Each structure stands twice: as structure tokens, then as C-alpha cells.
């Protein structure tokens, strides 16, 4: 099997993004019998999706696992749905800061990922990694990527399982970034473990397509 694992460039005032490191570190590696293609996406509403589509066409993957940083989450979050809205706290890398605008006017209000989000969260929780399923991806670039990717897969009948993971900061950034009061970090090795578990579970789900 082949999997695309995506992360993002830093955004807003941040100089780092743990998901960028994640995608870079796993590029060319294998988890079980799954070959991983790591892809770092630009922090832009549409361009991130365009880059992913190009990689989909190049690699014909069985799995797409996208990851994003959200400093407000208190545990790993499996995002189950992408909504047709752009309303982020930060401007994207092109300095676009839309306010409650649709990603694509006149298109469906939402698209669900086609993986079993509950099973993904369960596989993390069963391994001692606290996780939950979410239906609120935050209306920023991650929301846009989920919506556009899930819609593209559904509308084009592409045989691939897609999922999205939001992570808080990892502990290797303590002292490098300001982590606000009430926000949490997770161990870097726990994020790595979570990604590997999710890829294996997505592989099992891909076998059922």
C-alpha cells in the first residue's frame, strides 16, 4: 500500500510546526507494508489542496492521512468532517483572512471523510493515547483541506481512505514557542506512535473498499 502523509508549513506568528517535521521525517519510510510519501503543504487555503491533488495523481495512494497543528486541542483529535467555510484566526501565507466566507460558493455545506473516525479514535485510546472524534476543524486551512479533499474523493469516485489528525504542540518545542495558559503538549514519540497506528488502521479500512 501507499500512503500520503501531509503536514503544514508554519502559519501565523509561528516559526515552527510539528506536522511539517512529521511529514518530512516519515517521507520514504514504511509502517508495516505501507509505503509513506511525506508532503509538506503551504499554509494556504487553496494551494495546500492543489499540492495534495498533484501528489495524489503522481502516486495513486491507498491512504491519505493529513495532519495539522491546533494549539487549542487538549488531546489528539480525529476530524470527521470538513465544512464549507473559511473563518480562521490567522491570515494564510498569502495574507488572506476571509471572514465567514464559503470555500466554494454554491457547493455542499460539508463533506465527511470516508474513513471510520470512531475506529481511528478507538485504536489510539486503546493504545493509551487519549483521542476524540471532532466535527469542528476550526474553519482555517485545515478545515479547507478536509473539505476540498473529501469532496474531491467523493465527487471523483477515488478509491482511497482519507483522514485528518489535529495535534497539540509536541514537547520538543517547549522553550521554543510560547504555549498559552491552559494549553497542553504531548510527547513527540506519542505523536509518532499515533500516526503509525492510524496508518495501520487506515490500511485495514482501505482493504474494505
C-alpha atoms as a PDB file:
ATOM      1  CA  UNK A   1       0.000   0.000   0.000  1.00  0.00           C
ATOM      2  CA  UNK A   2       0.934   3.625  -0.428  1.00  0.00           C
ATOM      3  CA  UNK A   3       0.049   6.455   1.928  1.00  0.00           C
ATOM      4  CA  UNK A   4       0.392  10.197   1.616  1.00  0.00           C
ATOM      5  CA  UNK A   5       1.132  11.799   4.983  1.00  0.00           C
ATOM      6  CA  UNK A   6       0.739  15.573   4.944  1.00  0.00           C
ATOM      7  CA  UNK A   7       1.811  18.313   7.337  1.00  0.00           C
ATOM      8  CA  UNK A   8       1.823  22.095   7.094  1.00  0.00           C
ATOM      9  CA  UNK A   9       4.347  24.868   6.910  1.00  0.00           C
ATOM     10  CA  UNK A  10       4.303  27.228   9.922  1.00  0.00           C
ATOM     11  CA  UNK A  11       1.453  29.748   9.949  1.00  0.00           C
ATOM     12  CA  UNK A  12       0.561  32.998  11.703  1.00  0.00           C
ATOM     13  CA  UNK A  13       3.337  34.128  14.041  1.00  0.00           C
ATOM     14  CA  UNK A  14       4.735  30.613  14.458  1.00  0.00           C
ATOM     15  CA  UNK A  15       8.209  29.745  13.213  1.00  0.00           C
ATOM     16  CA  UNK A  16       7.660  26.010  13.702  1.00  0.00           C
ATOM     17  CA  UNK A  17       5.034  23.390  13.008  1.00  0.00           C
ATOM     18  CA  UNK A  18       5.354  19.842  14.368  1.00  0.00           C
ATOM     19  CA  UNK A  19       3.315  18.466  11.470  1.00  0.00           C
ATOM     20  CA  UNK A  20       5.893  19.784   8.990  1.00  0.00           C
ATOM     21  CA  UNK A  21       8.566  17.807  10.831  1.00  0.00           C
ATOM     22  CA  UNK A  22       6.271  14.779  10.912  1.00  0.00           C
ATOM     23  CA  UNK A  23       5.676  14.684   7.158  1.00  0.00           C
ATOM     24  CA  UNK A  24       9.352  15.266   6.422  1.00  0.00           C
ATOM     25  CA  UNK A  25      10.562  12.594   8.863  1.00  0.00           C
ATOM     26  CA  UNK A  26       8.263   9.867   7.525  1.00  0.00           C
ATOM     27  CA  UNK A  27       8.847  10.545   3.839  1.00  0.00           C
ATOM     28  CA  UNK A  28      10.235   7.369   2.261  1.00  0.00           C
ATOM     29  CA  UNK A  29       9.648   5.213   5.355  1.00  0.00           C
ATOM     30  CA  UNK A  30       7.394   2.194   5.781  1.00  0.00           C
ATOM     31  CA  UNK A  31       4.906   1.289   8.504  1.00  0.00           C
ATOM     32  CA  UNK A  32       4.072  -2.372   8.157  1.00  0.00           C
ATOM     33  CA  UNK A  33       3.580  -2.874   4.432  1.00  0.00           C
ATOM     34  CA  UNK A  34       2.572   0.757   3.885  1.00  0.00           C
ATOM     35  CA  UNK A  35       4.995   2.942   1.933  1.00  0.00           C
ATOM     36  CA  UNK A  36       4.799   6.572   3.049  1.00  0.00           C
ATOM     37  CA  UNK A  37       5.108   9.668   0.910  1.00  0.00           C
ATOM     38  CA  UNK A  38       5.540  12.699   3.149  1.00  0.00           C
ATOM     39  CA  UNK A  39       4.214  16.005   1.822  1.00  0.00           C
ATOM     40  CA  UNK A  40       4.621  19.410   3.474  1.00  0.00           C
ATOM     41  CA  UNK A  41       1.813  21.705   2.351  1.00  0.00           C
ATOM     42  CA  UNK A  42       1.822  25.500   2.116  1.00  0.00           C
ATOM     43  CA  UNK A  43      -0.271  27.232   4.757  1.00  0.00           C
ATOM     44  CA  UNK A  44      -2.775  28.496   2.186  1.00  0.00           C
ATOM     45  CA  UNK A  45      -6.478  27.812   1.801  1.00  0.00           C
ATOM     46  CA  UNK A  46      -6.471  26.528  -1.778  1.00  0.00           C
ATOM     47  CA  UNK A  47      -2.835  25.931  -2.653  1.00  0.00           C
ATOM     48  CA  UNK A  48      -2.494  23.225   0.017  1.00  0.00           C
ATOM     49  CA  UNK A  49      -5.222  21.219  -1.699  1.00  0.00           C
ATOM     50  CA  UNK A  50      -3.743  21.791  -5.166  1.00  0.00           C
ATOM     51  CA  UNK A  51      -0.400  20.423  -3.972  1.00  0.00           C
ATOM     52  CA  UNK A  52      -2.112  17.372  -2.495  1.00  0.00           C
ATOM     53  CA  UNK A  53      -4.058  16.664  -5.694  1.00  0.00           C
ATOM     54  CA  UNK A  54      -0.830  16.784  -7.685  1.00  0.00           C
ATOM     55  CA  UNK A  55       0.698  14.229  -5.313  1.00  0.00           C
ATOM     56  CA  UNK A  56      -2.429  12.044  -5.495  1.00  0.00           C
ATOM     57  CA  UNK A  57      -2.149  11.973  -9.281  1.00  0.00           C
ATOM     58  CA  UNK A  58       1.568  11.146  -9.061  1.00  0.00           C
ATOM     59  CA  UNK A  59       1.347   8.339  -6.505  1.00  0.00           C
ATOM     60  CA  UNK A  60      -2.183   6.840  -6.703  1.00  0.00           C
ATOM     61  CA  UNK A  61      -2.306   6.283  -2.918  1.00  0.00           C
ATOM     62  CA  UNK A  62      -4.490   3.909  -0.926  1.00  0.00           C
ATOM     63  CA  UNK A  63      -4.424   6.195   2.130  1.00  0.00           C
ATOM     64  CA  UNK A  64      -4.280   9.923   2.778  1.00  0.00           C
ATOM     65  CA  UNK A  65      -3.564  10.944   6.371  1.00  0.00           C
ATOM     66  CA  UNK A  66      -3.361  14.695   6.784  1.00  0.00           C
ATOM     67  CA  UNK A  67      -2.179  16.346   9.984  1.00  0.00           C
ATOM     68  CA  UNK A  68      -2.446  19.844  11.365  1.00  0.00           C
ATOM     69  CA  UNK A  69      -1.433  21.802  14.437  1.00  0.00           C
ATOM     70  CA  UNK A  70      -4.108  23.190  16.742  1.00  0.00           C
ATOM     71  CA  UNK A  71      -2.725  24.614  19.967  1.00  0.00           C
ATOM     72  CA  UNK A  72      -6.230  24.739  21.472  1.00  0.00           C
ATOM     73  CA  UNK A  73      -6.816  20.988  21.457  1.00  0.00           C
ATOM     74  CA  UNK A  74      -6.180  19.052  24.677  1.00  0.00           C
ATOM     75  CA  UNK A  75      -5.808  15.628  23.093  1.00  0.00           C
ATOM     76  CA  UNK A  76      -5.350  14.134  19.664  1.00  0.00           C
ATOM     77  CA  UNK A  77      -8.407  14.840  17.543  1.00  0.00           C
ATOM     78  CA  UNK A  78      -9.726  12.909  14.590  1.00  0.00           C
ATOM     79  CA  UNK A  79     -11.583  15.408  12.408  1.00  0.00           C
ATOM     80  CA  UNK A  80     -14.586  13.694  10.849  1.00  0.00           C
ATOM     81  CA  UNK A  81     -15.957  16.444   8.633  1.00  0.00           C
ATOM     82  CA  UNK A  82     -14.900  19.457   6.602  1.00  0.00           C
ATOM     83  CA  UNK A  83     -17.306  22.387   6.396  1.00  0.00           C
ATOM     84  CA  UNK A  84     -17.594  24.856   3.542  1.00  0.00           C
ATOM     85  CA  UNK A  85     -16.362  27.868   5.492  1.00  0.00           C
ATOM     86  CA  UNK A  86     -13.235  29.990   5.896  1.00  0.00           C
ATOM     87  CA  UNK A  87     -13.081  31.976   9.130  1.00  0.00           C
ATOM     88  CA  UNK A  88      -9.638  31.491  10.641  1.00  0.00           C
ATOM     89  CA  UNK A  89      -7.948  33.388  13.445  1.00  0.00           C
ATOM     90  CA  UNK A  90      -4.812  33.932  11.335  1.00  0.00           C
ATOM     91  CA  UNK A  91      -4.233  35.029   7.735  1.00  0.00           C
ATOM     92  CA  UNK A  92      -2.884  32.344   5.450  1.00  0.00           C
ATOM     93  CA  UNK A  93       0.564  32.588   3.864  1.00  0.00           C
ATOM     94  CA  UNK A  94      -0.886  34.768   1.090  1.00  0.00           C
ATOM     95  CA  UNK A  95      -2.269  37.115   3.750  1.00  0.00           C
ATOM     96  CA  UNK A  96      -5.836  36.084   3.008  1.00  0.00           C
ATOM     97  CA  UNK A  97      -8.061  36.375   6.081  1.00  0.00           C
ATOM     98  CA  UNK A  98     -11.613  35.589   5.000  1.00  0.00           C
ATOM     99  CA  UNK A  99     -14.465  36.126   7.406  1.00  0.00           C
ATOM    100  CA  UNK A 100     -17.211  33.513   7.305  1.00  0.00           C
ATOM    101  CA  UNK A 101     -16.783  33.002   3.564  1.00  0.00           C
ATOM    102  CA  UNK A 102     -17.539  29.742   1.747  1.00  0.00           C
ATOM    103  CA  UNK A 103     -14.585  27.786   0.427  1.00  0.00           C
ATOM    104  CA  UNK A 104     -16.516  27.147  -2.787  1.00  0.00           C
ATOM    105  CA  UNK A 105     -19.731  29.175  -3.160  1.00  0.00           C
ATOM    106  CA  UNK A 106     -22.771  27.150  -4.123  1.00  0.00           C
ATOM    107  CA  UNK A 107     -21.252  23.798  -3.152  1.00  0.00           C
ATOM    108  CA  UNK A 108     -22.386  21.424  -0.358  1.00  0.00           C
ATOM    109  CA  UNK A 109     -22.199  22.719   3.207  1.00  0.00           C
ATOM    110  CA  UNK A 110     -19.921  19.876   4.277  1.00  0.00           C
ATOM    111  CA  UNK A 111     -18.131  16.711   3.245  1.00  0.00           C
ATOM    112  CA  UNK A 112     -17.360  13.822   5.600  1.00  0.00           C
ATOM    113  CA  UNK A 113     -14.069  11.976   5.452  1.00  0.00           C
ATOM    114  CA  UNK A 114     -14.603   8.439   4.161  1.00  0.00           C
ATOM    115  CA  UNK A 115     -12.713   6.650   6.929  1.00  0.00           C
ATOM    116  CA  UNK A 116     -14.299   5.329  10.120  1.00  0.00           C
ATOM    117  CA  UNK A 117     -13.351   8.105  12.526  1.00  0.00           C
ATOM    118  CA  UNK A 118     -14.638   6.271  15.602  1.00  0.00           C
ATOM    119  CA  UNK A 119     -12.401   3.289  14.829  1.00  0.00           C
ATOM    120  CA  UNK A 120      -9.420   5.593  14.364  1.00  0.00           C
ATOM    121  CA  UNK A 121     -10.003   7.241  17.740  1.00  0.00           C
ATOM    122  CA  UNK A 122     -10.553   3.854  19.360  1.00  0.00           C
ATOM    123  CA  UNK A 123      -7.239   2.493  18.112  1.00  0.00           C
ATOM    124  CA  UNK A 124      -5.458   5.442  19.735  1.00  0.00           C
ATOM    125  CA  UNK A 125      -7.361   5.282  23.000  1.00  0.00           C
ATOM    126  CA  UNK A 126      -6.838   1.522  23.220  1.00  0.00           C
ATOM    127  CA  UNK A 127      -3.085   2.140  22.973  1.00  0.00           C
ATOM    128  CA  UNK A 128      -3.074   4.693  25.781  1.00  0.00           C
ATOM    129  CA  UNK A 129      -3.108   7.777  23.547  1.00  0.00           C
ATOM    130  CA  UNK A 130      -6.074   9.985  24.522  1.00  0.00           C
ATOM    131  CA  UNK A 131      -8.060  10.899  21.420  1.00  0.00           C
ATOM    132  CA  UNK A 132     -11.533  12.029  20.410  1.00  0.00           C
ATOM    133  CA  UNK A 133     -13.599  12.497  17.278  1.00  0.00           C
ATOM    134  CA  UNK A 134     -14.396  16.099  16.362  1.00  0.00           C
ATOM    135  CA  UNK A 135     -16.847  17.738  13.966  1.00  0.00           C
ATOM    136  CA  UNK A 136     -15.294  21.211  14.299  1.00  0.00           C
ATOM    137  CA  UNK A 137     -11.971  21.569  12.486  1.00  0.00           C
ATOM    138  CA  UNK A 138     -11.718  25.300  13.181  1.00  0.00           C
ATOM    139  CA  UNK A 139     -12.588  26.970   9.845  1.00  0.00           C
ATOM    140  CA  UNK A 140      -8.924  27.618   8.998  1.00  0.00           C
ATOM    141  CA  UNK A 141      -6.631  25.959   6.437  1.00  0.00           C
ATOM    142  CA  UNK A 142      -7.135  22.507   7.968  1.00  0.00           C
ATOM    143  CA  UNK A 143     -10.900  22.829   7.512  1.00  0.00           C
ATOM    144  CA  UNK A 144     -10.382  23.833   3.895  1.00  0.00           C
ATOM    145  CA  UNK A 145      -8.092  20.880   3.225  1.00  0.00           C
ATOM    146  CA  UNK A 146     -10.537  18.406   4.776  1.00  0.00           C
ATOM    147  CA  UNK A 147     -13.465  19.833   2.825  1.00  0.00           C
ATOM    148  CA  UNK A 148     -11.715  20.034  -0.529  1.00  0.00           C
ATOM    149  CA  UNK A 149     -10.000  16.647  -0.222  1.00  0.00           C
ATOM    150  CA  UNK A 150     -13.097  14.795   0.961  1.00  0.00           C
ATOM    151  CA  UNK A 151     -15.198  16.429  -1.740  1.00  0.00           C
ATOM    152  CA  UNK A 152     -12.643  15.616  -4.428  1.00  0.00           C
ATOM    153  CA  UNK A 153     -12.522  11.968  -3.386  1.00  0.00           C
ATOM    154  CA  UNK A 154     -16.292  11.637  -3.236  1.00  0.00           C
ATOM    155  CA  UNK A 155     -17.154  13.513  -6.409  1.00  0.00           C
ATOM    156  CA  UNK A 156     -14.487  11.714  -8.461  1.00  0.00           C
ATOM    157  CA  UNK A 157     -15.024   8.230  -7.014  1.00  0.00           C
ATOM    158  CA  UNK A 158     -11.383   7.884  -5.966  1.00  0.00           C
ATOM    159  CA  UNK A 159     -10.592   4.619  -4.162  1.00  0.00           C
ATOM    160  CA  UNK A 160      -8.642   5.986  -1.219  1.00  0.00           C
ATOM    161  CA  UNK A 161      -9.249   6.287   2.530  1.00  0.00           C
ATOM    162  CA  UNK A 162      -8.745   9.774   3.922  1.00  0.00           C
ATOM    163  CA  UNK A 163      -8.491  11.038   7.483  1.00  0.00           C
ATOM    164  CA  UNK A 164      -7.311  14.125   9.332  1.00  0.00           C
ATOM    165  CA  UNK A 165      -5.495  14.365  12.677  1.00  0.00           C
ATOM    166  CA  UNK A 166      -5.195  17.537  14.748  1.00  0.00           C
ATOM    167  CA  UNK A 167      -2.385  17.581  17.287  1.00  0.00           C
ATOM    168  CA  UNK A 168      -1.354  19.987  20.032  1.00  0.00           C
ATOM    169  CA  UNK A 169       2.278  21.097  20.257  1.00  0.00           C
ATOM    170  CA  UNK A 170       4.799  18.361  20.925  1.00  0.00           C
ATOM    171  CA  UNK A 171       7.139  18.540  23.905  1.00  0.00           C
ATOM    172  CA  UNK A 172      10.282  19.096  21.807  1.00  0.00           C
ATOM    173  CA  UNK A 173       9.043  22.662  21.213  1.00  0.00           C
ATOM    174  CA  UNK A 174       8.898  23.584  24.892  1.00  0.00           C
ATOM    175  CA  UNK A 175      11.097  26.638  25.288  1.00  0.00           C
ATOM    176  CA  UNK A 176      10.961  27.384  21.559  1.00  0.00           C
ATOM    177  CA  UNK A 177       7.375  28.621  21.312  1.00  0.00           C
ATOM    178  CA  UNK A 178       5.025  30.367  23.706  1.00  0.00           C
ATOM    179  CA  UNK A 179       2.375  27.912  24.814  1.00  0.00           C
ATOM    180  CA  UNK A 180      -0.516  29.760  26.393  1.00  0.00           C
ATOM    181  CA  UNK A 181      -2.088  29.077  29.750  1.00  0.00           C
ATOM    182  CA  UNK A 182      -4.463  26.129  29.712  1.00  0.00           C
ATOM    183  CA  UNK A 183      -2.899  24.602  26.612  1.00  0.00           C
ATOM    184  CA  UNK A 184      -1.216  21.231  26.584  1.00  0.00           C
ATOM    185  CA  UNK A 185       1.598  19.422  24.827  1.00  0.00           C
ATOM    186  CA  UNK A 186       2.092  15.773  24.000  1.00  0.00           C
ATOM    187  CA  UNK A 187       5.277  13.770  23.725  1.00  0.00           C
ATOM    188  CA  UNK A 188       6.795  13.727  20.274  1.00  0.00           C
ATOM    189  CA  UNK A 189       7.101   9.952  20.408  1.00  0.00           C
ATOM    190  CA  UNK A 190       3.381   9.732  21.190  1.00  0.00           C
ATOM    191  CA  UNK A 191       2.536  11.721  18.056  1.00  0.00           C
ATOM    192  CA  UNK A 192       4.797   9.429  16.026  1.00  0.00           C
ATOM    193  CA  UNK A 193       3.121   6.381  17.550  1.00  0.00           C
ATOM    194  CA  UNK A 194      -0.320   7.822  16.843  1.00  0.00           C
ATOM    195  CA  UNK A 195       0.497   8.382  13.189  1.00  0.00           C
ATOM    196  CA  UNK A 196       1.761   4.824  12.792  1.00  0.00           C
ATOM    197  CA  UNK A 197      -1.315   3.361  14.480  1.00  0.00           C
ATOM    198  CA  UNK A 198      -3.613   5.477  12.316  1.00  0.00           C
ATOM    199  CA  UNK A 199      -1.839   4.434   9.140  1.00  0.00           C
ATOM    200  CA  UNK A 200      -2.213   0.767  10.045  1.00  0.00           C
ATOM    201  CA  UNK A 201      -5.911   1.204  10.866  1.00  0.00           C
ATOM    202  CA  UNK A 202      -6.463   3.143   7.643  1.00  0.00           C
ATOM    203  CA  UNK A 203      -4.738   0.312   5.811  1.00  0.00           C
ATOM    204  CA  UNK A 204      -7.234  -2.127   7.276  1.00  0.00           C
ATOM    205  CA  UNK A 205     -10.085   0.159   6.244  1.00  0.00           C
ATOM    206  CA  UNK A 206      -8.641   0.585   2.749  1.00  0.00           C
ATOM    207  CA  UNK A 207      -8.742  -3.198   2.324  1.00  0.00           C
ATOM    208  CA  UNK A 208     -12.523  -2.971   2.690  1.00  0.00           C
ATOM    209  CA  UNK A 209     -13.056  -0.594  -0.237  1.00  0.00           C
END
